[in-house]
């Protein structure tokens, strides 16, 4: 998946206002990133990448880049 497509789909799943995302974007700095967005993030990881994620793992994901690493960098192209 292209990184741009990933960023777009992430915004759609989190149901947040469109923002400029990159690997360095802190998840907690995204306006609208709240407990409901976290639940959507869990669904996103499972539905799009077949990855199960638990609460402890979610807490370790601090940036979009760390999310991408969790999902597997091999899934992304520039």
PDB file of N, CA and C in Angstrom:
ATOM      1  N   UNK A   1       0.839  -1.167   0.000  1.00  0.00           N
ATOM      2  CA  UNK A   1       0.000   0.000   0.000  1.00  0.00           C
ATOM      3  C   UNK A   1       0.890   1.237   0.000  1.00  0.00           C
ATOM      4  N   UNK A   2       0.524   2.186  -0.796  1.00  0.00           N
ATOM      5  CA  UNK A   2       1.269   3.443  -0.799  1.00  0.00           C
ATOM      6  C   UNK A   2       1.014   4.179   0.505  1.00  0.00           C
ATOM      7  N   UNK A   3       2.044   4.872   0.994  1.00  0.00           N
ATOM      8  CA  UNK A   3       1.913   5.596   2.252  1.00  0.00           C
ATOM      9  C   UNK A   3       0.787   6.617   2.199  1.00  0.00           C
ATOM     10  N   UNK A   4       0.654   7.308   1.082  1.00  0.00           N
ATOM     11  CA  UNK A   4      -0.416   8.302   0.945  1.00  0.00           C
ATOM     12  C   UNK A   4      -1.788   7.655   1.108  1.00  0.00           C
ATOM     13  N   UNK A   5      -1.969   6.478   0.519  1.00  0.00           N
ATOM     14  CA  UNK A   5      -3.235   5.757   0.645  1.00  0.00           C
ATOM     15  C   UNK A   5      -3.471   5.332   2.092  1.00  0.00           C
ATOM     16  N   UNK A   6      -2.403   4.891   2.752  1.00  0.00           N
ATOM     17  CA  UNK A   6      -2.502   4.507   4.158  1.00  0.00           C
ATOM     18  C   UNK A   6      -2.949   5.688   5.005  1.00  0.00           C
ATOM     19  N   UNK A   7      -2.330   6.840   4.812  1.00  0.00           N
ATOM     20  CA  UNK A   7      -2.694   8.026   5.589  1.00  0.00           C
ATOM     21  C   UNK A   7      -4.166   8.380   5.362  1.00  0.00           C
ATOM     22  N   UNK A   8      -4.605   8.330   4.108  1.00  0.00           N
ATOM     23  CA  UNK A   8      -5.992   8.645   3.778  1.00  0.00           C
ATOM     24  C   UNK A   8      -6.952   7.666   4.463  1.00  0.00           C
ATOM     25  N   UNK A   9      -6.652   6.369   4.365  1.00  0.00           N
ATOM     26  CA  UNK A   9      -7.523   5.369   4.968  1.00  0.00           C
ATOM     27  C   UNK A   9      -7.528   5.476   6.486  1.00  0.00           C
ATOM     28  N   UNK A  10      -6.385   5.797   7.068  1.00  0.00           N
ATOM     29  CA  UNK A  10      -6.311   5.978   8.516  1.00  0.00           C
ATOM     30  C   UNK A  10      -7.224   7.117   8.954  1.00  0.00           C
ATOM     31  N   UNK A  11      -7.187   8.222   8.243  1.00  0.00           N
ATOM     32  CA  UNK A  11      -8.056   9.370   8.548  1.00  0.00           C
ATOM     33  C   UNK A  11      -9.520   8.958   8.444  1.00  0.00           C
ATOM     34  N   UNK A  12      -9.847   8.196   7.406  1.00  0.00           N
ATOM     35  CA  UNK A  12     -11.229   7.743   7.211  1.00  0.00           C
ATOM     36  C   UNK A  12     -11.682   6.842   8.359  1.00  0.00           C
ATOM     37  N   UNK A  13     -10.854   5.881   8.742  1.00  0.00           N
ATOM     38  CA  UNK A  13     -11.213   4.956   9.819  1.00  0.00           C
ATOM     39  C   UNK A  13     -11.347   5.667  11.159  1.00  0.00           C
ATOM     40  N   UNK A  14     -10.457   6.613  11.413  1.00  0.00           N
ATOM     41  CA  UNK A  14     -10.498   7.319  12.696  1.00  0.00           C
ATOM     42  C   UNK A  14     -11.611   8.358  12.740  1.00  0.00           C
ATOM     43  N   UNK A  15     -12.195   8.626  11.567  1.00  0.00           N
ATOM     44  CA  UNK A  15     -13.264   9.616  11.446  1.00  0.00           C
ATOM     45  C   UNK A  15     -12.848  10.960  12.040  1.00  0.00           C
ATOM     46  N   UNK A  16     -11.681  11.403  11.607  1.00  0.00           N
ATOM     47  CA  UNK A  16     -11.159  12.698  12.046  1.00  0.00           C
ATOM     48  C   UNK A  16     -11.128  13.649  10.863  1.00  0.00           C
ATOM     49  N   UNK A  17     -10.987  14.924  11.160  1.00  0.00           N
ATOM     50  CA  UNK A  17     -10.867  15.923  10.101  1.00  0.00           C
ATOM     51  C   UNK A  17      -9.593  15.639   9.301  1.00  0.00           C
ATOM     52  N   UNK A  18      -9.648  15.827   8.000  1.00  0.00           N
ATOM     53  CA  UNK A  18      -8.440  15.608   7.190  1.00  0.00           C
ATOM     54  C   UNK A  18      -7.274  16.467   7.697  1.00  0.00           C
ATOM     55  N   UNK A  19      -6.166  15.819   7.915  1.00  0.00           N
ATOM     56  CA  UNK A  19      -4.949  16.478   8.372  1.00  0.00           C
ATOM     57  C   UNK A  19      -3.777  15.926   7.585  1.00  0.00           C
ATOM     58  N   UNK A  20      -2.689  16.655   7.606  1.00  0.00           N
ATOM     59  CA  UNK A  20      -1.452  16.196   6.968  1.00  0.00           C
ATOM     60  C   UNK A  20      -0.780  15.208   7.920  1.00  0.00           C
ATOM     61  N   UNK A  21      -0.640  13.964   7.484  1.00  0.00           N
ATOM     62  CA  UNK A  21       0.012  12.946   8.299  1.00  0.00           C
ATOM     63  C   UNK A  21       1.346  12.559   7.684  1.00  0.00           C
ATOM     64  N   UNK A  22       2.274  12.187   8.535  1.00  0.00           N
ATOM     65  CA  UNK A  22       3.521  11.574   8.104  1.00  0.00           C
ATOM     66  C   UNK A  22       3.967  10.639   9.217  1.00  0.00           C
ATOM     67  N   UNK A  23       5.060   9.957   9.026  1.00  0.00           N
ATOM     68  CA  UNK A  23       5.500   8.966  10.005  1.00  0.00           C
ATOM     69  C   UNK A  23       5.827   9.583  11.360  1.00  0.00           C
ATOM     70  N   UNK A  24       6.158  10.847  11.399  1.00  0.00           N
ATOM     71  CA  UNK A  24       6.506  11.503  12.648  1.00  0.00           C
ATOM     72  C   UNK A  24       5.328  12.098  13.396  1.00  0.00           C
ATOM     73  N   UNK A  25       4.138  12.041  12.806  1.00  0.00           N
ATOM     74  CA  UNK A  25       2.962  12.623  13.450  1.00  0.00           C
ATOM     75  C   UNK A  25       2.632  11.854  14.726  1.00  0.00           C
ATOM     76  N   UNK A  26       2.572  12.568  15.846  1.00  0.00           N
ATOM     77  CA  UNK A  26       2.178  11.956  17.120  1.00  0.00           C
ATOM     78  C   UNK A  26       0.679  11.702  17.090  1.00  0.00           C
ATOM     79  N   UNK A  27       0.293  10.474  17.383  1.00  0.00           N
ATOM     80  CA  UNK A  27      -1.123  10.138  17.342  1.00  0.00           C
ATOM     81  C   UNK A  27      -1.946  11.005  18.289  1.00  0.00           C
ATOM     82  N   UNK A  28      -1.431  11.237  19.492  1.00  0.00           N
ATOM     83  CA  UNK A  28      -2.200  12.017  20.467  1.00  0.00           C
ATOM     84  C   UNK A  28      -2.251  13.505  20.132  1.00  0.00           C
ATOM     85  N   UNK A  29      -1.525  13.934  19.103  1.00  0.00           N
ATOM     86  CA  UNK A  29      -1.588  15.333  18.679  1.00  0.00           C
ATOM     87  C   UNK A  29      -2.652  15.556  17.602  1.00  0.00           C
ATOM     88  N   UNK A  30      -3.234  14.474  17.110  1.00  0.00           N
ATOM     89  CA  UNK A  30      -4.246  14.575  16.064  1.00  0.00           C
ATOM     90  C   UNK A  30      -5.570  14.962  16.707  1.00  0.00           C
ATOM     91  N   UNK A  31      -6.125  16.073  16.252  1.00  0.00           N
ATOM     92  CA  UNK A  31      -7.411  16.518  16.783  1.00  0.00           C
ATOM     93  C   UNK A  31      -8.471  15.461  16.494  1.00  0.00           C
ATOM     94  N   UNK A  32      -9.184  15.064  17.528  1.00  0.00           N
ATOM     95  CA  UNK A  32     -10.201  14.042  17.365  1.00  0.00           C
ATOM     96  C   UNK A  32      -9.714  12.646  17.700  1.00  0.00           C
ATOM     97  N   UNK A  33      -8.425  12.495  18.037  1.00  0.00           N
ATOM     98  CA  UNK A  33      -7.896  11.184  18.427  1.00  0.00           C
ATOM     99  C   UNK A  33      -8.271  10.967  19.887  1.00  0.00           C
ATOM    100  N   UNK A  34      -9.345  10.205  20.078  1.00  0.00           N
ATOM    101  CA  UNK A  34      -9.863   9.964  21.416  1.00  0.00           C
ATOM    102  C   UNK A  34     -10.135   8.462  21.578  1.00  0.00           C
ATOM    103  N   UNK A  35     -10.874   8.099  22.612  1.00  0.00           N
ATOM    104  CA  UNK A  35     -11.117   6.680  22.877  1.00  0.00           C
ATOM    105  C   UNK A  35     -11.885   6.011  21.734  1.00  0.00           C
ATOM    106  N   UNK A  36     -12.786   6.738  21.102  1.00  0.00           N
ATOM    107  CA  UNK A  36     -13.509   6.172  19.959  1.00  0.00           C
ATOM    108  C   UNK A  36     -12.563   5.959  18.773  1.00  0.00           C
ATOM    109  N   UNK A  37     -11.644   6.884  18.585  1.00  0.00           N
ATOM    110  CA  UNK A  37     -10.657   6.739  17.506  1.00  0.00           C
ATOM    111  C   UNK A  37      -9.756   5.538  17.770  1.00  0.00           C
ATOM    112  N   UNK A  38      -9.424   5.299  19.031  1.00  0.00           N
ATOM    113  CA  UNK A  38      -8.597   4.138  19.384  1.00  0.00           C
ATOM    114  C   UNK A  38      -9.338   2.848  19.020  1.00  0.00           C
ATOM    115  N   UNK A  39     -10.634   2.801  19.298  1.00  0.00           N
ATOM    116  CA  UNK A  39     -11.425   1.619  18.928  1.00  0.00           C
ATOM    117  C   UNK A  39     -11.432   1.435  17.407  1.00  0.00           C
ATOM    118  N   UNK A  40     -11.534   2.536  16.698  1.00  0.00           N
ATOM    119  CA  UNK A  40     -11.488   2.475  15.235  1.00  0.00           C
ATOM    120  C   UNK A  40     -10.115   2.018  14.750  1.00  0.00           C
ATOM    121  N   UNK A  41      -9.067   2.433  15.458  1.00  0.00           N
ATOM    122  CA  UNK A  41      -7.705   2.022  15.110  1.00  0.00           C
ATOM    123  C   UNK A  41      -7.549   0.507  15.264  1.00  0.00           C
ATOM    124  N   UNK A  42      -8.138  -0.048  16.308  1.00  0.00           N
ATOM    125  CA  UNK A  42      -8.101  -1.497  16.514  1.00  0.00           C
ATOM    126  C   UNK A  42      -8.774  -2.201  15.339  1.00  0.00           C
ATOM    127  N   UNK A  43      -9.940  -1.697  14.933  1.00  0.00           N
ATOM    128  CA  UNK A  43     -10.651  -2.286  13.791  1.00  0.00           C
ATOM    129  C   UNK A  43      -9.848  -2.134  12.500  1.00  0.00           C
ATOM    130  N   UNK A  44      -9.225  -0.982  12.313  1.00  0.00           N
ATOM    131  CA  UNK A  44      -8.412  -0.708  11.126  1.00  0.00           C
ATOM    132  C   UNK A  44      -7.279  -1.723  11.004  1.00  0.00           C
ATOM    133  N   UNK A  45      -6.569  -1.943  12.104  1.00  0.00           N
ATOM    134  CA  UNK A  45      -5.439  -2.884  12.087  1.00  0.00           C
ATOM    135  C   UNK A  45      -5.907  -4.286  11.727  1.00  0.00           C
ATOM    136  N   UNK A  46      -7.036  -4.683  12.274  1.00  0.00           N
ATOM    137  CA  UNK A  46      -7.558  -6.020  12.031  1.00  0.00           C
ATOM    138  C   UNK A  46      -8.101  -6.166  10.619  1.00  0.00           C
ATOM    139  N   UNK A  47      -8.949  -5.234  10.201  1.00  0.00           N
ATOM    140  CA  UNK A  47      -9.610  -5.357   8.909  1.00  0.00           C
ATOM    141  C   UNK A  47      -8.681  -5.144   7.720  1.00  0.00           C
ATOM    142  N   UNK A  48      -7.788  -4.186   7.819  1.00  0.00           N
ATOM    143  CA  UNK A  48      -6.928  -3.864   6.678  1.00  0.00           C
ATOM    144  C   UNK A  48      -5.639  -4.682   6.629  1.00  0.00           C
ATOM    145  N   UNK A  49      -5.151  -5.102   7.823  1.00  0.00           N
ATOM    146  CA  UNK A  49      -3.848  -5.762   7.852  1.00  0.00           C
ATOM    147  C   UNK A  49      -3.864  -7.125   8.547  1.00  0.00           C
ATOM    148  N   UNK A  50      -5.014  -7.523   9.072  1.00  0.00           N
ATOM    149  CA  UNK A  50      -5.107  -8.813   9.753  1.00  0.00           C
ATOM    150  C   UNK A  50      -4.283  -8.875  11.026  1.00  0.00           C
ATOM    151  N   UNK A  51      -4.041  -7.726  11.644  1.00  0.00           N
ATOM    152  CA  UNK A  51      -3.230  -7.650  12.866  1.00  0.00           C
ATOM    153  C   UNK A  51      -4.127  -7.371  14.054  1.00  0.00           C
ATOM    154  N   UNK A  52      -4.042  -8.231  15.067  1.00  0.00           N
ATOM    155  CA  UNK A  52      -4.752  -8.007  16.326  1.00  0.00           C
ATOM    156  C   UNK A  52      -3.875  -7.129  17.200  1.00  0.00           C
ATOM    157  N   UNK A  53      -4.502  -6.216  17.911  1.00  0.00           N
ATOM    158  CA  UNK A  53      -3.758  -5.303  18.763  1.00  0.00           C
ATOM    159  C   UNK A  53      -4.502  -5.175  20.090  1.00  0.00           C
ATOM    160  N   UNK A  54      -3.746  -5.147  21.186  1.00  0.00           N
ATOM    161  CA  UNK A  54      -4.381  -5.023  22.496  1.00  0.00           C
ATOM    162  C   UNK A  54      -4.079  -3.651  23.098  1.00  0.00           C
ATOM    163  N   UNK A  55      -4.673  -3.397  24.258  1.00  0.00           N
ATOM    164  CA  UNK A  55      -4.547  -2.083  24.893  1.00  0.00           C
ATOM    165  C   UNK A  55      -3.094  -1.730  25.201  1.00  0.00           C
ATOM    166  N   UNK A  56      -2.316  -2.694  25.656  1.00  0.00           N
ATOM    167  CA  UNK A  56      -0.907  -2.424  25.969  1.00  0.00           C
ATOM    168  C   UNK A  56      -0.134  -2.034  24.707  1.00  0.00           C
ATOM    169  N   UNK A  57      -0.394  -2.702  23.616  1.00  0.00           N
ATOM    170  CA  UNK A  57       0.278  -2.377  22.363  1.00  0.00           C
ATOM    171  C   UNK A  57      -0.153  -1.002  21.868  1.00  0.00           C
ATOM    172  N   UNK A  58      -1.424  -0.677  22.008  1.00  0.00           N
ATOM    173  CA  UNK A  58      -1.927   0.638  21.585  1.00  0.00           C
ATOM    174  C   UNK A  58      -1.174   1.740  22.308  1.00  0.00           C
ATOM    175  N   UNK A  59      -0.919   1.571  23.591  1.00  0.00           N
ATOM    176  CA  UNK A  59      -0.230   2.589  24.373  1.00  0.00           C
ATOM    177  C   UNK A  59       1.195   2.813  23.871  1.00  0.00           C
ATOM    178  N   UNK A  60       1.803   1.799  23.296  1.00  0.00           N
ATOM    179  CA  UNK A  60       3.171   1.914  22.795  1.00  0.00           C
ATOM    180  C   UNK A  60       3.230   2.591  21.429  1.00  0.00           C
ATOM    181  N   UNK A  61       2.100   2.693  20.757  1.00  0.00           N
ATOM    182  CA  UNK A  61       2.053   3.346  19.453  1.00  0.00           C
ATOM    183  C   UNK A  61       1.892   4.841  19.669  1.00  0.00           C
ATOM    184  N   UNK A  62       2.970   5.558  19.529  1.00  0.00           N
ATOM    185  CA  UNK A  62       2.931   6.991  19.810  1.00  0.00           C
ATOM    186  C   UNK A  62       2.888   7.840  18.547  1.00  0.00           C
ATOM    187  N   UNK A  63       3.348   7.285  17.437  1.00  0.00           N
ATOM    188  CA  UNK A  63       3.386   8.031  16.180  1.00  0.00           C
ATOM    189  C   UNK A  63       2.779   7.189  15.058  1.00  0.00           C
ATOM    190  N   UNK A  64       2.490   7.836  13.966  1.00  0.00           N
ATOM    191  CA  UNK A  64       2.015   7.122  12.784  1.00  0.00           C
ATOM    192  C   UNK A  64       3.084   6.122  12.342  1.00  0.00           C
ATOM    193  N   UNK A  65       4.358   6.514  12.457  1.00  0.00           N
ATOM    194  CA  UNK A  65       5.456   5.622  12.088  1.00  0.00           C
ATOM    195  C   UNK A  65       5.505   4.370  12.949  1.00  0.00           C
ATOM    196  N   UNK A  66       5.259   4.516  14.255  1.00  0.00           N
ATOM    197  CA  UNK A  66       5.270   3.341  15.125  1.00  0.00           C
ATOM    198  C   UNK A  66       4.092   2.420  14.794  1.00  0.00           C
ATOM    199  N   UNK A  67       2.978   2.993  14.371  1.00  0.00           N
ATOM    200  CA  UNK A  67       1.848   2.185  13.910  1.00  0.00           C
ATOM    201  C   UNK A  67       2.243   1.413  12.660  1.00  0.00           C
ATOM    202  N   UNK A  68       2.920   2.084  11.741  1.00  0.00           N
ATOM    203  CA  UNK A  68       3.354   1.432  10.508  1.00  0.00           C
ATOM    204  C   UNK A  68       4.342   0.309  10.804  1.00  0.00           C
ATOM    205  N   UNK A  69       5.233   0.523  11.754  1.00  0.00           N
ATOM    206  CA  UNK A  69       6.175  -0.529  12.146  1.00  0.00           C
ATOM    207  C   UNK A  69       5.425  -1.719  12.714  1.00  0.00           C
ATOM    208  N   UNK A  70       4.426  -1.466  13.558  1.00  0.00           N
ATOM    209  CA  UNK A  70       3.625  -2.540  14.120  1.00  0.00           C
ATOM    210  C   UNK A  70       2.941  -3.345  13.012  1.00  0.00           C
ATOM    211  N   UNK A  71       2.427  -2.648  12.027  1.00  0.00           N
ATOM    212  CA  UNK A  71       1.716  -3.302  10.931  1.00  0.00           C
ATOM    213  C   UNK A  71       2.661  -4.004   9.966  1.00  0.00           C
ATOM    214  N   UNK A  72       3.923  -3.606   9.974  1.00  0.00           N
ATOM    215  CA  UNK A  72       4.925  -4.208   9.098  1.00  0.00           C
ATOM    216  C   UNK A  72       5.321  -3.270   7.986  1.00  0.00           C
ATOM    217  N   UNK A  73       6.516  -2.726   8.089  1.00  0.00           N
ATOM    218  CA  UNK A  73       7.009  -1.762   7.086  1.00  0.00           C
ATOM    219  C   UNK A  73       6.957  -2.333   5.665  1.00  0.00           C
ATOM    220  N   UNK A  74       7.013  -3.665   5.555  1.00  0.00           N
ATOM    221  CA  UNK A  74       6.989  -4.277   4.224  1.00  0.00           C
ATOM    222  C   UNK A  74       5.648  -4.077   3.526  1.00  0.00           C
ATOM    223  N   UNK A  75       4.631  -3.660   4.265  1.00  0.00           N
ATOM    224  CA  UNK A  75       3.308  -3.412   3.690  1.00  0.00           C
ATOM    225  C   UNK A  75       3.186  -2.063   3.004  1.00  0.00           C
ATOM    226  N   UNK A  76       4.229  -1.254   3.099  1.00  0.00           N
ATOM    227  CA  UNK A  76       4.143   0.121   2.605  1.00  0.00           C
ATOM    228  C   UNK A  76       5.209   0.424   1.568  1.00  0.00           C
ATOM    229  N   UNK A  77       4.800   1.211   0.597  1.00  0.00           N
ATOM    230  CA  UNK A  77       5.730   1.705  -0.413  1.00  0.00           C
ATOM    231  C   UNK A  77       5.603   3.214  -0.455  1.00  0.00           C
ATOM    232  N   UNK A  78       6.630   3.863  -0.949  1.00  0.00           N
ATOM    233  CA  UNK A  78       6.603   5.319  -1.021  1.00  0.00           C
ATOM    234  C   UNK A  78       5.689   5.748  -2.080  1.00  0.00           C
TER     235      UNK A  78
END
